[in-house]
Amino acid sequence: MIEGSVNAAYEAVVRLPVRGPAGETRQIDAVIDTGFTGFLTVPPGLVEELGLLYLTSSQAVLANGSEETFDVYGITLLWNGRPRFVDAFVSNTTPLAGMRLLDNHRLFIDVVSGGQVTIHPNQ
């Protein structure tokens, strides 16, 4: 199970340990974004810090309907205590956890400031 909380801006946030190819680890706070169909977004500074491996570039449609091209890097995160290698779009925003990351899981959010966020694997 992964736990987090709802912040004062009513964003559901989870803390995720992420790791680069050399094994260096950082903790990131990612906002759960049910409108984002990818795995994860990370800021450019994290890509540099962890020495992430470039995979490709990909286009995505943003919430405002515009299309943008993003660089995609590989990153390992600890998900339910196990390493999981995923694609991470690079964006100058708060890290986002998308729906592909939540695939085959149940998400519960107590939508009040300070409310609990839990992600459970389907059994």
PDB file of N, CA and C in Angstrom:
ATOM      1  N   MET A   1       0.841  -1.176   0.000  1.00  0.00           N
ATOM      2  CA  MET A   1       0.000   0.000   0.000  1.00  0.00           C
ATOM      3  C   MET A   1       0.889   1.244   0.000  1.00  0.00           C
ATOM      4  N   ILE A   2       0.451   2.234  -0.745  1.00  0.00           N
ATOM      5  CA  ILE A   2       1.142   3.522  -0.801  1.00  0.00           C
ATOM      6  C   ILE A   2       0.212   4.551  -0.168  1.00  0.00           C
ATOM      7  N   GLU A   3       0.779   5.393   0.684  1.00  0.00           N
ATOM      8  CA  GLU A   3      -0.038   6.375   1.384  1.00  0.00           C
ATOM      9  C   GLU A   3       0.446   7.782   1.111  1.00  0.00           C
ATOM     10  N   GLY A   4      -0.482   8.706   1.193  1.00  0.00           N
ATOM     11  CA  GLY A   4      -0.184  10.118   1.031  1.00  0.00           C
ATOM     12  C   GLY A   4      -1.262  10.926   1.708  1.00  0.00           C
ATOM     13  N   SER A   5      -1.367  12.196   1.302  1.00  0.00           N
ATOM     14  CA  SER A   5      -2.387  13.056   1.900  1.00  0.00           C
ATOM     15  C   SER A   5      -2.831  14.121   0.907  1.00  0.00           C
ATOM     16  N   VAL A   6      -3.950  14.731   1.223  1.00  0.00           N
ATOM     17  CA  VAL A   6      -4.488  15.831   0.435  1.00  0.00           C
ATOM     18  C   VAL A   6      -3.902  17.123   0.999  1.00  0.00           C
ATOM     19  N   ASN A   7      -3.302  17.939   0.126  1.00  0.00           N
ATOM     20  CA  ASN A   7      -2.692  19.179   0.613  1.00  0.00           C
ATOM     21  C   ASN A   7      -3.731  20.310   0.682  1.00  0.00           C
ATOM     22  N   ALA A   8      -3.299  21.500   1.089  1.00  0.00           N
ATOM     23  CA  ALA A   8      -4.204  22.643   1.269  1.00  0.00           C
ATOM     24  C   ALA A   8      -4.831  23.096  -0.052  1.00  0.00           C
ATOM     25  N   ALA A   9      -4.202  22.740  -1.189  1.00  0.00           N
ATOM     26  CA  ALA A   9      -4.745  23.082  -2.513  1.00  0.00           C
ATOM     27  C   ALA A   9      -5.654  21.972  -3.041  1.00  0.00           C
ATOM     28  N   TYR A  10      -5.977  21.007  -2.182  1.00  0.00           N
ATOM     29  CA  TYR A  10      -6.838  19.865  -2.525  1.00  0.00           C
ATOM     30  C   TYR A  10      -6.248  18.984  -3.621  1.00  0.00           C
ATOM     31  N   GLU A  11      -4.925  18.819  -3.572  1.00  0.00           N
ATOM     32  CA  GLU A  11      -4.238  17.886  -4.465  1.00  0.00           C
ATOM     33  C   GLU A  11      -3.904  16.635  -3.666  1.00  0.00           C
ATOM     34  N   ALA A  12      -4.152  15.475  -4.270  1.00  0.00           N
ATOM     35  CA  ALA A  12      -3.785  14.204  -3.640  1.00  0.00           C
ATOM     36  C   ALA A  12      -2.311  13.950  -3.934  1.00  0.00           C
ATOM     37  N   VAL A  13      -1.497  13.863  -2.889  1.00  0.00           N
ATOM     38  CA  VAL A  13      -0.040  13.782  -3.037  1.00  0.00           C
ATOM     39  C   VAL A  13       0.483  12.507  -2.381  1.00  0.00           C
ATOM     40  N   VAL A  14       1.379  11.819  -3.101  1.00  0.00           N
ATOM     41  CA  VAL A  14       2.073  10.658  -2.545  1.00  0.00           C
ATOM     42  C   VAL A  14       3.573  10.881  -2.669  1.00  0.00           C
ATOM     43  N   ARG A  15       4.310  10.408  -1.693  1.00  0.00           N
ATOM     44  CA  ARG A  15       5.779  10.488  -1.716  1.00  0.00           C
ATOM     45  C   ARG A  15       6.300   9.195  -2.324  1.00  0.00           C
ATOM     46  N   LEU A  16       7.143   9.340  -3.365  1.00  0.00           N
ATOM     47  CA  LEU A  16       7.676   8.183  -4.078  1.00  0.00           C
ATOM     48  C   LEU A  16       9.192   8.204  -4.069  1.00  0.00           C
ATOM     49  N   PRO A  17       9.840   7.121  -3.649  1.00  0.00           N
ATOM     50  CA  PRO A  17      11.285   7.016  -3.784  1.00  0.00           C
ATOM     51  C   PRO A  17      11.616   6.660  -5.240  1.00  0.00           C
ATOM     52  N   VAL A  18      12.470   7.469  -5.852  1.00  0.00           N
ATOM     53  CA  VAL A  18      12.879   7.219  -7.235  1.00  0.00           C
ATOM     54  C   VAL A  18      14.386   7.025  -7.291  1.00  0.00           C
ATOM     55  N   ARG A  19      14.838   6.251  -8.282  1.00  0.00           N
ATOM     56  CA  ARG A  19      16.248   5.894  -8.360  1.00  0.00           C
ATOM     57  C   ARG A  19      16.727   6.001  -9.791  1.00  0.00           C
ATOM     58  N   GLY A  20      17.960   6.494  -9.948  1.00  0.00           N
ATOM     59  CA  GLY A  20      18.604   6.562 -11.246  1.00  0.00           C
ATOM     60  C   GLY A  20      19.393   5.305 -11.540  1.00  0.00           C
ATOM     61  N   PRO A  21      19.990   5.213 -12.734  1.00  0.00           N
ATOM     62  CA  PRO A  21      20.696   3.998 -13.133  1.00  0.00           C
ATOM     63  C   PRO A  21      21.932   3.683 -12.290  1.00  0.00           C
ATOM     64  N   ALA A  22      22.513   4.694 -11.632  1.00  0.00           N
ATOM     65  CA  ALA A  22      23.690   4.453 -10.787  1.00  0.00           C
ATOM     66  C   ALA A  22      23.291   4.097  -9.355  1.00  0.00           C
ATOM     67  N   GLY A  23      21.981   4.051  -9.070  1.00  0.00           N
ATOM     68  CA  GLY A  23      21.513   3.663  -7.749  1.00  0.00           C
ATOM     69  C   GLY A  23      21.218   4.811  -6.803  1.00  0.00           C
ATOM     70  N   GLU A  24      21.478   6.045  -7.228  1.00  0.00           N
ATOM     71  CA  GLU A  24      21.206   7.199  -6.376  1.00  0.00           C
ATOM     72  C   GLU A  24      19.690   7.377  -6.235  1.00  0.00           C
ATOM     73  N   THR A  25      19.237   7.619  -4.997  1.00  0.00           N
ATOM     74  CA  THR A  25      17.802   7.681  -4.717  1.00  0.00           C
ATOM     75  C   THR A  25      17.402   9.060  -4.216  1.00  0.00           C
ATOM     76  N   ARG A  26      16.212   9.480  -4.607  1.00  0.00           N
ATOM     77  CA  ARG A  26      15.589  10.715  -4.120  1.00  0.00           C
ATOM     78  C   ARG A  26      14.130  10.419  -3.792  1.00  0.00           C
ATOM     79  N   GLN A  27      13.551  11.245  -2.943  1.00  0.00           N
ATOM     80  CA  GLN A  27      12.122  11.193  -2.651  1.00  0.00           C
ATOM     81  C   GLN A  27      11.446  12.335  -3.403  1.00  0.00           C
ATOM     82  N   ILE A  28      10.357  12.021  -4.108  1.00  0.00           N
ATOM     83  CA  ILE A  28       9.597  13.089  -4.756  1.00  0.00           C
ATOM     84  C   ILE A  28       8.156  13.031  -4.261  1.00  0.00           C
ATOM     85  N   ASP A  29       7.545  14.194  -4.164  1.00  0.00           N
ATOM     86  CA  ASP A  29       6.124  14.285  -3.864  1.00  0.00           C
ATOM     87  C   ASP A  29       5.405  14.462  -5.195  1.00  0.00           C
ATOM     88  N   ALA A  30       4.576  13.493  -5.560  1.00  0.00           N
ATOM     89  CA  ALA A  30       3.874  13.509  -6.841  1.00  0.00           C
ATOM     90  C   ALA A  30       2.378  13.702  -6.602  1.00  0.00           C
ATOM     91  N   VAL A  31       1.800  14.597  -7.393  1.00  0.00           N
ATOM     92  CA  VAL A  31       0.365  14.833  -7.360  1.00  0.00           C
ATOM     93  C   VAL A  31      -0.302  13.796  -8.252  1.00  0.00           C
ATOM     94  N   ILE A  32      -1.319  13.132  -7.746  1.00  0.00           N
ATOM     95  CA  ILE A  32      -2.050  12.170  -8.556  1.00  0.00           C
ATOM     96  C   ILE A  32      -2.915  12.944  -9.545  1.00  0.00           C
ATOM     97  N   ASP A  33      -2.735  12.640 -10.834  1.00  0.00           N
ATOM     98  CA  ASP A  33      -3.446  13.342 -11.896  1.00  0.00           C
ATOM     99  C   ASP A  33      -4.207  12.327 -12.730  1.00  0.00           C
ATOM    100  N   THR A  34      -5.504  12.206 -12.480  1.00  0.00           N
ATOM    101  CA  THR A  34      -6.310  11.214 -13.195  1.00  0.00           C
ATOM    102  C   THR A  34      -6.550  11.601 -14.654  1.00  0.00           C
ATOM    103  N   GLY A  35      -6.198  12.816 -15.030  1.00  0.00           N
ATOM    104  CA  GLY A  35      -6.300  13.230 -16.430  1.00  0.00           C
ATOM    105  C   GLY A  35      -5.035  12.951 -17.220  1.00  0.00           C
ATOM    106  N   PHE A  36      -3.969  12.519 -16.552  1.00  0.00           N
ATOM    107  CA  PHE A  36      -2.687  12.207 -17.191  1.00  0.00           C
ATOM    108  C   PHE A  36      -2.631  10.698 -17.401  1.00  0.00           C
ATOM    109  N   THR A  37      -2.536  10.280 -18.661  1.00  0.00           N
ATOM    110  CA  THR A  37      -2.584   8.850 -18.967  1.00  0.00           C
ATOM    111  C   THR A  37      -1.212   8.187 -18.966  1.00  0.00           C
ATOM    112  N   GLY A  38      -0.151   8.936 -18.721  1.00  0.00           N
ATOM    113  CA  GLY A  38       1.181   8.355 -18.643  1.00  0.00           C
ATOM    114  C   GLY A  38       1.479   7.832 -17.250  1.00  0.00           C
ATOM    115  N   PHE A  39       2.760   7.509 -17.018  1.00  0.00           N
ATOM    116  CA  PHE A  39       3.192   7.007 -15.718  1.00  0.00           C
ATOM    117  C   PHE A  39       3.510   8.135 -14.742  1.00  0.00           C
ATOM    118  N   LEU A  40       4.466   8.999 -15.134  1.00  0.00           N
ATOM    119  CA  LEU A  40       5.043   9.944 -14.190  1.00  0.00           C
ATOM    120  C   LEU A  40       5.620  11.123 -14.956  1.00  0.00           C
ATOM    121  N   THR A  41       5.583  12.318 -14.345  1.00  0.00           N
ATOM    122  CA  THR A  41       6.357  13.440 -14.856  1.00  0.00           C
ATOM    123  C   THR A  41       7.379  13.808 -13.791  1.00  0.00           C
ATOM    124  N   VAL A  42       8.540  14.269 -14.249  1.00  0.00           N
ATOM    125  CA  VAL A  42       9.596  14.699 -13.332  1.00  0.00           C
ATOM    126  C   VAL A  42      10.201  15.989 -13.867  1.00  0.00           C
ATOM    127  N   PRO A  43      10.747  16.838 -12.976  1.00  0.00           N
ATOM    128  CA  PRO A  43      11.380  18.078 -13.417  1.00  0.00           C
ATOM    129  C   PRO A  43      12.769  17.811 -14.010  1.00  0.00           C
ATOM    130  N   PRO A  44      13.234  18.716 -14.893  1.00  0.00           N
ATOM    131  CA  PRO A  44      14.546  18.533 -15.524  1.00  0.00           C
ATOM    132  C   PRO A  44      15.691  18.396 -14.525  1.00  0.00           C
ATOM    133  N   GLY A  45      15.619  19.098 -13.399  1.00  0.00           N
ATOM    134  CA  GLY A  45      16.681  19.016 -12.399  1.00  0.00           C
ATOM    135  C   GLY A  45      16.861  17.615 -11.847  1.00  0.00           C
ATOM    136  N   LEU A  46      15.770  16.879 -11.704  1.00  0.00           N
ATOM    137  CA  LEU A  46      15.845  15.507 -11.200  1.00  0.00           C
ATOM    138  C   LEU A  46      16.502  14.597 -12.229  1.00  0.00           C
ATOM    139  N   VAL A  47      16.216  14.844 -13.505  1.00  0.00           N
ATOM    140  CA  VAL A  47      16.847  14.068 -14.581  1.00  0.00           C
ATOM    141  C   VAL A  47      18.357  14.202 -14.493  1.00  0.00           C
ATOM    142  N   GLU A  48      18.830  15.431 -14.287  1.00  0.00           N
ATOM    143  CA  GLU A  48      20.267  15.691 -14.181  1.00  0.00           C
ATOM    144  C   GLU A  48      20.850  15.081 -12.906  1.00  0.00           C
ATOM    145  N   GLU A  49      20.175  15.289 -11.769  1.00  0.00           N
ATOM    146  CA  GLU A  49      20.669  14.770 -10.484  1.00  0.00           C
ATOM    147  C   GLU A  49      20.873  13.262 -10.504  1.00  0.00           C
ATOM    148  N   LEU A  50      19.903  12.550 -11.086  1.00  0.00           N
ATOM    149  CA  LEU A  50      19.948  11.089 -11.071  1.00  0.00           C
ATOM    150  C   LEU A  50      20.612  10.492 -12.312  1.00  0.00           C
ATOM    151  N   GLY A  51      20.941  11.330 -13.294  1.00  0.00           N
ATOM    152  CA  GLY A  51      21.566  10.818 -14.519  1.00  0.00           C
ATOM    153  C   GLY A  51      20.652   9.843 -15.257  1.00  0.00           C
ATOM    154  N   LEU A  52      19.384  10.214 -15.380  1.00  0.00           N
ATOM    155  CA  LEU A  52      18.416   9.315 -16.014  1.00  0.00           C
ATOM    156  C   LEU A  52      18.739   9.097 -17.484  1.00  0.00           C
ATOM    157  N   LEU A  53      18.347   7.935 -17.983  1.00  0.00           N
ATOM    158  CA  LEU A  53      18.625   7.550 -19.363  1.00  0.00           C
ATOM    159  C   LEU A  53      17.510   8.023 -20.288  1.00  0.00           C
ATOM    160  N   TYR A  54      17.902   8.757 -21.337  1.00  0.00           N
ATOM    161  CA  TYR A  54      16.941   9.245 -22.327  1.00  0.00           C
ATOM    162  C   TYR A  54      16.402   8.056 -23.122  1.00  0.00           C
ATOM    163  N   LEU A  55      15.085   8.008 -23.308  1.00  0.00           N
ATOM    164  CA  LEU A  55      14.465   6.934 -24.065  1.00  0.00           C
ATOM    165  C   LEU A  55      13.967   7.407 -25.427  1.00  0.00           C
ATOM    166  N   THR A  56      13.203   8.511 -25.436  1.00  0.00           N
ATOM    167  CA  THR A  56      12.584   8.983 -26.675  1.00  0.00           C
ATOM    168  C   THR A  56      11.942  10.333 -26.416  1.00  0.00           C
ATOM    169  N   SER A  57      11.233  10.855 -27.401  1.00  0.00           N
ATOM    170  CA  SER A  57      10.348  12.000 -27.187  1.00  0.00           C
ATOM    171  C   SER A  57       8.948  11.551 -27.572  1.00  0.00           C
ATOM    172  N   SER A  58       7.958  12.191 -26.970  1.00  0.00           N
ATOM    173  CA  SER A  58       6.578  11.780 -27.200  1.00  0.00           C
ATOM    174  C   SER A  58       5.667  12.990 -27.132  1.00  0.00           C
ATOM    175  N   GLN A  59       4.613  12.978 -27.934  1.00  0.00           N
ATOM    176  CA  GLN A  59       3.634  14.055 -27.896  1.00  0.00           C
ATOM    177  C   GLN A  59       2.520  13.696 -26.926  1.00  0.00           C
ATOM    178  N   ALA A  60       1.986  14.716 -26.283  1.00  0.00           N
ATOM    179  CA  ALA A  60       0.868  14.528 -25.365  1.00  0.00           C
ATOM    180  C   ALA A  60      -0.093  15.700 -25.529  1.00  0.00           C
ATOM    181  N   VAL A  61      -1.361  15.436 -25.336  1.00  0.00           N
ATOM    182  CA  VAL A  61      -2.390  16.469 -25.358  1.00  0.00           C
ATOM    183  C   VAL A  61      -2.595  16.937 -23.927  1.00  0.00           C
ATOM    184  N   LEU A  62      -2.446  18.241 -23.714  1.00  0.00           N
ATOM    185  CA  LEU A  62      -2.594  18.813 -22.377  1.00  0.00           C
ATOM    186  C   LEU A  62      -4.058  19.089 -22.058  1.00  0.00           C
ATOM    187  N   ALA A  63      -4.343  19.416 -20.816  1.00  0.00           N
ATOM    188  CA  ALA A  63      -5.718  19.658 -20.370  1.00  0.00           C
ATOM    189  C   ALA A  63      -6.385  20.786 -21.148  1.00  0.00           C
ATOM    190  N   ASN A  64      -5.599  21.754 -21.632  1.00  0.00           N
ATOM    191  CA  ASN A  64      -6.174  22.864 -22.388  1.00  0.00           C
ATOM    192  C   ASN A  64      -6.379  22.526 -23.870  1.00  0.00           C
ATOM    193  N   GLY A  65      -6.073  21.276 -24.256  1.00  0.00           N
ATOM    194  CA  GLY A  65      -6.279  20.832 -25.633  1.00  0.00           C
ATOM    195  C   GLY A  65      -5.069  21.000 -26.540  1.00  0.00           C
ATOM    196  N   SER A  66      -4.038  21.687 -26.060  1.00  0.00           N
ATOM    197  CA  SER A  66      -2.850  21.876 -26.893  1.00  0.00           C
ATOM    198  C   SER A  66      -1.978  20.624 -26.860  1.00  0.00           C
ATOM    199  N   GLU A  67      -1.166  20.456 -27.920  1.00  0.00           N
ATOM    200  CA  GLU A  67      -0.218  19.342 -27.969  1.00  0.00           C
ATOM    201  C   GLU A  67       1.171  19.845 -27.662  1.00  0.00           C
ATOM    202  N   GLU A  68       1.919  19.041 -26.936  1.00  0.00           N
ATOM    203  CA  GLU A  68       3.293  19.401 -26.602  1.00  0.00           C
ATOM    204  C   GLU A  68       4.166  18.153 -26.706  1.00  0.00           C
ATOM    205  N   THR A  69       5.412  18.361 -27.083  1.00  0.00           N
ATOM    206  CA  THR A  69       6.360  17.256 -27.161  1.00  0.00           C
ATOM    207  C   THR A  69       7.208  17.249 -25.895  1.00  0.00           C
ATOM    208  N   PHE A  70       7.353  16.066 -25.307  1.00  0.00           N
ATOM    209  CA  PHE A  70       8.121  15.897 -24.079  1.00  0.00           C
ATOM    210  C   PHE A  70       9.252  14.908 -24.297  1.00  0.00           C
ATOM    211  N   ASP A  71      10.397  15.164 -23.661  1.00  0.00           N
ATOM    212  CA  ASP A  71      11.448  14.158 -23.593  1.00  0.00           C
ATOM    213  C   ASP A  71      11.019  13.119 -22.574  1.00  0.00           C
ATOM    214  N   VAL A  72      11.328  11.856 -22.864  1.00  0.00           N
ATOM    215  CA  VAL A  72      10.938  10.758 -21.987  1.00  0.00           C
ATOM    216  C   VAL A  72      12.202  10.043 -21.514  1.00  0.00           C
ATOM    217  N   TYR A  73      12.321   9.870 -20.211  1.00  0.00           N
ATOM    218  CA  TYR A  73      13.462   9.215 -19.592  1.00  0.00           C
ATOM    219  C   TYR A  73      12.984   8.004 -18.798  1.00  0.00           C
ATOM    220  N   GLY A  74      13.852   7.032 -18.636  1.00  0.00           N
ATOM    221  CA  GLY A  74      13.546   5.872 -17.805  1.00  0.00           C
ATOM    222  C   GLY A  74      13.919   6.148 -16.369  1.00  0.00           C
ATOM    223  N   ILE A  75      13.064   5.750 -15.448  1.00  0.00           N
ATOM    224  CA  ILE A  75      13.321   5.949 -14.028  1.00  0.00           C
ATOM    225  C   ILE A  75      12.788   4.737 -13.267  1.00  0.00           C
ATOM    226  N   THR A  76      13.471   4.385 -12.205  1.00  0.00           N
ATOM    227  CA  THR A  76      13.011   3.302 -11.344  1.00  0.00           C
ATOM    228  C   THR A  76      12.418   3.915 -10.086  1.00  0.00           C
ATOM    229  N   LEU A  77      11.241   3.453  -9.707  1.00  0.00           N
ATOM    230  CA  LEU A  77      10.666   3.899  -8.450  1.00  0.00           C
ATOM    231  C   LEU A  77      10.316   2.677  -7.613  1.00  0.00           C
ATOM    232  N   LEU A  78      10.279   2.890  -6.322  1.00  0.00           N
ATOM    233  CA  LEU A  78       9.835   1.816  -5.437  1.00  0.00           C
ATOM    234  C   LEU A  78       8.322   1.915  -5.338  1.00  0.00           C
ATOM    235  N   TRP A  79       7.653   0.891  -5.797  1.00  0.00           N
ATOM    236  CA  TRP A  79       6.194   0.871  -5.853  1.00  0.00           C
ATOM    237  C   TRP A  79       5.730  -0.348  -5.071  1.00  0.00           C
ATOM    238  N   ASN A  80       5.058  -0.124  -3.965  1.00  0.00           N
ATOM    239  CA  ASN A  80       4.667  -1.210  -3.066  1.00  0.00           C
ATOM    240  C   ASN A  80       5.879  -2.027  -2.633  1.00  0.00           C
ATOM    241  N   GLY A  81       6.995  -1.328  -2.403  1.00  0.00           N
ATOM    242  CA  GLY A  81       8.200  -1.972  -1.906  1.00  0.00           C
ATOM    243  C   GLY A  81       9.042  -2.681  -2.949  1.00  0.00           C
ATOM    244  N   ARG A  82       8.634  -2.618  -4.216  1.00  0.00           N
ATOM    245  CA  ARG A  82       9.373  -3.299  -5.282  1.00  0.00           C
ATOM    246  C   ARG A  82       9.827  -2.309  -6.338  1.00  0.00           C
ATOM    247  N   PRO A  83      11.024  -2.533  -6.900  1.00  0.00           N
ATOM    248  CA  PRO A  83      11.480  -1.644  -7.972  1.00  0.00           C
ATOM    249  C   PRO A  83      10.581  -1.785  -9.203  1.00  0.00           C
ATOM    250  N   ARG A  84      10.249  -0.650  -9.793  1.00  0.00           N
ATOM    251  CA  ARG A  84       9.418  -0.627 -11.004  1.00  0.00           C
ATOM    252  C   ARG A  84      10.006   0.398 -11.959  1.00  0.00           C
ATOM    253  N   PHE A  85      10.395  -0.046 -13.162  1.00  0.00           N
ATOM    254  CA  PHE A  85      10.970   0.838 -14.170  1.00  0.00           C
ATOM    255  C   PHE A  85       9.846   1.401 -15.029  1.00  0.00           C
ATOM    256  N   VAL A  86       9.753   2.739 -15.108  1.00  0.00           N
ATOM    257  CA  VAL A  86       8.677   3.381 -15.860  1.00  0.00           C
ATOM    258  C   VAL A  86       9.230   4.514 -16.715  1.00  0.00           C
ATOM    259  N   ASP A  87       8.413   4.951 -17.653  1.00  0.00           N
ATOM    260  CA  ASP A  87       8.717   6.125 -18.461  1.00  0.00           C
ATOM    261  C   ASP A  87       8.332   7.375 -17.680  1.00  0.00           C
ATOM    262  N   ALA A  88       9.190   8.384 -17.724  1.00  0.00           N
ATOM    263  CA  ALA A  88       8.905   9.654 -17.060  1.00  0.00           C
ATOM    264  C   ALA A  88       9.011  10.779 -18.073  1.00  0.00           C
ATOM    265  N   PHE A  89       7.929  11.527 -18.255  1.00  0.00           N
ATOM    266  CA  PHE A  89       7.941  12.718 -19.096  1.00  0.00           C
ATOM    267  C   PHE A  89       8.624  13.831 -18.302  1.00  0.00           C
ATOM    268  N   VAL A  90       9.446  14.627 -18.978  1.00  0.00           N
ATOM    269  CA  VAL A  90      10.124  15.736 -18.313  1.00  0.00           C
ATOM    270  C   VAL A  90       9.294  16.999 -18.506  1.00  0.00           C
ATOM    271  N   SER A  91       8.971  17.645 -17.385  1.00  0.00           N
ATOM    272  CA  SER A  91       8.140  18.841 -17.421  1.00  0.00           C
ATOM    273  C   SER A  91       8.527  19.768 -16.273  1.00  0.00           C
ATOM    274  N   ASN A  92       8.467  21.056 -16.529  1.00  0.00           N
ATOM    275  CA  ASN A  92       8.795  22.068 -15.517  1.00  0.00           C
ATOM    276  C   ASN A  92       7.614  22.310 -14.580  1.00  0.00           C
ATOM    277  N   THR A  93       7.039  21.254 -14.073  1.00  0.00           N
ATOM    278  CA  THR A  93       5.913  21.369 -13.155  1.00  0.00           C
ATOM    279  C   THR A  93       6.154  20.455 -11.959  1.00  0.00           C
ATOM    280  N   THR A  94       5.229  20.490 -11.031  1.00  0.00           N
ATOM    281  CA  THR A  94       5.239  19.541  -9.923  1.00  0.00           C
ATOM    282  C   THR A  94       5.156  18.133 -10.506  1.00  0.00           C
ATOM    283  N   PRO A  95       5.911  17.168  -9.979  1.00  0.00           N
ATOM    284  CA  PRO A  95       5.780  15.797 -10.481  1.00  0.00           C
ATOM    285  C   PRO A  95       4.336  15.313 -10.413  1.00  0.00           C
ATOM    286  N   LEU A  96       3.935  14.591 -11.450  1.00  0.00           N
ATOM    287  CA  LEU A  96       2.587  14.036 -11.531  1.00  0.00           C
ATOM    288  C   LEU A  96       2.661  12.522 -11.614  1.00  0.00           C
ATOM    289  N   ALA A  97       1.769  11.849 -10.899  1.00  0.00           N
ATOM    290  CA  ALA A  97       1.592  10.404 -11.002  1.00  0.00           C
ATOM    291  C   ALA A  97       0.345  10.177 -11.842  1.00  0.00           C
ATOM    292  N   GLY A  98       0.515   9.490 -12.975  1.00  0.00           N
ATOM    293  CA  GLY A  98      -0.586   9.318 -13.908  1.00  0.00           C
ATOM    294  C   GLY A  98      -1.287   7.978 -13.781  1.00  0.00           C
ATOM    295  N   MET A  99      -2.282   7.810 -14.624  1.00  0.00           N
ATOM    296  CA  MET A  99      -3.149   6.637 -14.561  1.00  0.00           C
ATOM    297  C   MET A  99      -2.434   5.331 -14.906  1.00  0.00           C
ATOM    298  N   ARG A 100      -1.434   5.363 -15.786  1.00  0.00           N
ATOM    299  CA  ARG A 100      -0.711   4.115 -16.084  1.00  0.00           C
ATOM    300  C   ARG A 100       0.034   3.610 -14.861  1.00  0.00           C
ATOM    301  N   LEU A 101       0.476   4.522 -14.011  1.00  0.00           N
ATOM    302  CA  LEU A 101       1.144   4.128 -12.771  1.00  0.00           C
ATOM    303  C   LEU A 101       0.149   3.437 -11.837  1.00  0.00           C
ATOM    304  N   LEU A 102      -1.110   3.855 -11.909  1.00  0.00           N
ATOM    305  CA  LEU A 102      -2.148   3.318 -11.032  1.00  0.00           C
ATOM    306  C   LEU A 102      -2.851   2.092 -11.614  1.00  0.00           C
ATOM    307  N   ASP A 103      -2.428   1.666 -12.797  1.00  0.00           N
ATOM    308  CA  ASP A 103      -3.063   0.516 -13.426  1.00  0.00           C
ATOM    309  C   ASP A 103      -3.055  -0.687 -12.474  1.00  0.00           C
ATOM    310  N   ASN A 104      -4.183  -1.361 -12.389  1.00  0.00           N
ATOM    311  CA  ASN A 104      -4.356  -2.546 -11.553  1.00  0.00           C
ATOM    312  C   ASN A 104      -4.246  -2.231 -10.053  1.00  0.00           C
ATOM    313  N   HIS A 105      -4.632  -1.015  -9.676  1.00  0.00           N
ATOM    314  CA  HIS A 105      -4.647  -0.583  -8.280  1.00  0.00           C
ATOM    315  C   HIS A 105      -5.974   0.112  -7.976  1.00  0.00           C
ATOM    316  N   ARG A 106      -6.276   0.247  -6.695  1.00  0.00           N
ATOM    317  CA  ARG A 106      -7.438   0.999  -6.242  1.00  0.00           C
ATOM    318  C   ARG A 106      -6.942   2.252  -5.531  1.00  0.00           C
ATOM    319  N   LEU A 107      -7.544   3.379  -5.862  1.00  0.00           N
ATOM    320  CA  LEU A 107      -7.171   4.669  -5.292  1.00  0.00           C
ATOM    321  C   LEU A 107      -8.305   5.167  -4.410  1.00  0.00           C
ATOM    322  N   PHE A 108      -7.959   5.516  -3.168  1.00  0.00           N
ATOM    323  CA  PHE A 108      -8.928   6.072  -2.237  1.00  0.00           C
ATOM    324  C   PHE A 108      -8.421   7.428  -1.765  1.00  0.00           C
ATOM    325  N   ILE A 109      -9.305   8.431  -1.827  1.00  0.00           N
ATOM    326  CA  ILE A 109      -8.939   9.781  -1.400  1.00  0.00           C
ATOM    327  C   ILE A 109     -10.026  10.317  -0.479  1.00  0.00           C
ATOM    328  N   ASP A 110      -9.626  10.718   0.711  1.00  0.00           N
ATOM    329  CA  ASP A 110     -10.520  11.410   1.640  1.00  0.00           C
ATOM    330  C   ASP A 110     -10.358  12.892   1.319  1.00  0.00           C
ATOM    331  N   VAL A 111     -11.287  13.437   0.539  1.00  0.00           N
ATOM    332  CA  VAL A 111     -11.112  14.767  -0.038  1.00  0.00           C
ATOM    333  C   VAL A 111     -11.473  15.863   0.966  1.00  0.00           C
ATOM    334  N   VAL A 112     -10.537  16.092   1.867  1.00  0.00           N
ATOM    335  CA  VAL A 112     -10.526  17.220   2.797  1.00  0.00           C
ATOM    336  C   VAL A 112      -9.059  17.592   2.961  1.00  0.00           C
ATOM    337  N   SER A 113      -8.796  18.839   3.275  1.00  0.00           N
ATOM    338  CA  SER A 113      -7.407  19.235   3.504  1.00  0.00           C
ATOM    339  C   SER A 113      -6.822  18.365   4.610  1.00  0.00           C
ATOM    340  N   GLY A 114      -5.723  17.688   4.331  1.00  0.00           N
ATOM    341  CA  GLY A 114      -5.099  16.774   5.277  1.00  0.00           C
ATOM    342  C   GLY A 114      -5.658  15.368   5.195  1.00  0.00           C
ATOM    343  N   GLY A 115      -6.616  15.132   4.287  1.00  0.00           N
ATOM    344  CA  GLY A 115      -7.225  13.821   4.154  1.00  0.00           C
ATOM    345  C   GLY A 115      -6.239  12.764   3.682  1.00  0.00           C
ATOM    346  N   GLN A 116      -6.576  11.528   3.928  1.00  0.00           N
ATOM    347  CA  GLN A 116      -5.700  10.414   3.601  1.00  0.00           C
ATOM    348  C   GLN A 116      -5.875   9.994   2.144  1.00  0.00           C
ATOM    349  N   VAL A 117      -4.737   9.632   1.515  1.00  0.00           N
ATOM    350  CA  VAL A 117      -4.702   9.071   0.171  1.00  0.00           C
ATOM    351  C   VAL A 117      -4.072   7.693   0.296  1.00  0.00           C
ATOM    352  N   THR A 118      -4.736   6.672  -0.242  1.00  0.00           N
ATOM    353  CA  THR A 118      -4.151   5.325  -0.230  1.00  0.00           C
ATOM    354  C   THR A 118      -4.294   4.691  -1.609  1.00  0.00           C
ATOM    355  N   ILE A 119      -3.260   3.963  -1.990  1.00  0.00           N
ATOM    356  CA  ILE A 119      -3.249   3.213  -3.245  1.00  0.00           C
ATOM    357  C   ILE A 119      -2.993   1.761  -2.872  1.00  0.00           C
ATOM    358  N   HIS A 120      -3.956   0.906  -3.219  1.00  0.00           N
ATOM    359  CA  HIS A 120      -3.875  -0.528  -2.901  1.00  0.00           C
ATOM    360  C   HIS A 120      -3.761  -1.329  -4.194  1.00  0.00           C
ATOM    361  N   PRO A 121      -2.877  -2.317  -4.228  1.00  0.00           N
ATOM    362  CA  PRO A 121      -2.859  -3.201  -5.400  1.00  0.00           C
ATOM    363  C   PRO A 121      -4.123  -4.039  -5.443  1.00  0.00           C
ATOM    364  N   ASN A 122      -4.641  -4.298  -6.641  1.00  0.00           N
ATOM    365  CA  ASN A 122      -5.760  -5.236  -6.777  1.00  0.00           C
ATOM    366  C   ASN A 122      -5.252  -6.615  -6.459  1.00  0.00           C
ATOM    367  N   GLN A 123      -6.053  -7.439  -5.843  1.00  0.00           N
ATOM    368  CA  GLN A 123      -5.611  -8.768  -5.440  1.00  0.00           C
ATOM    369  C   GLN A 123      -6.085  -9.806  -6.401  1.00  0.00           C
TER     370      GLN A 123
END
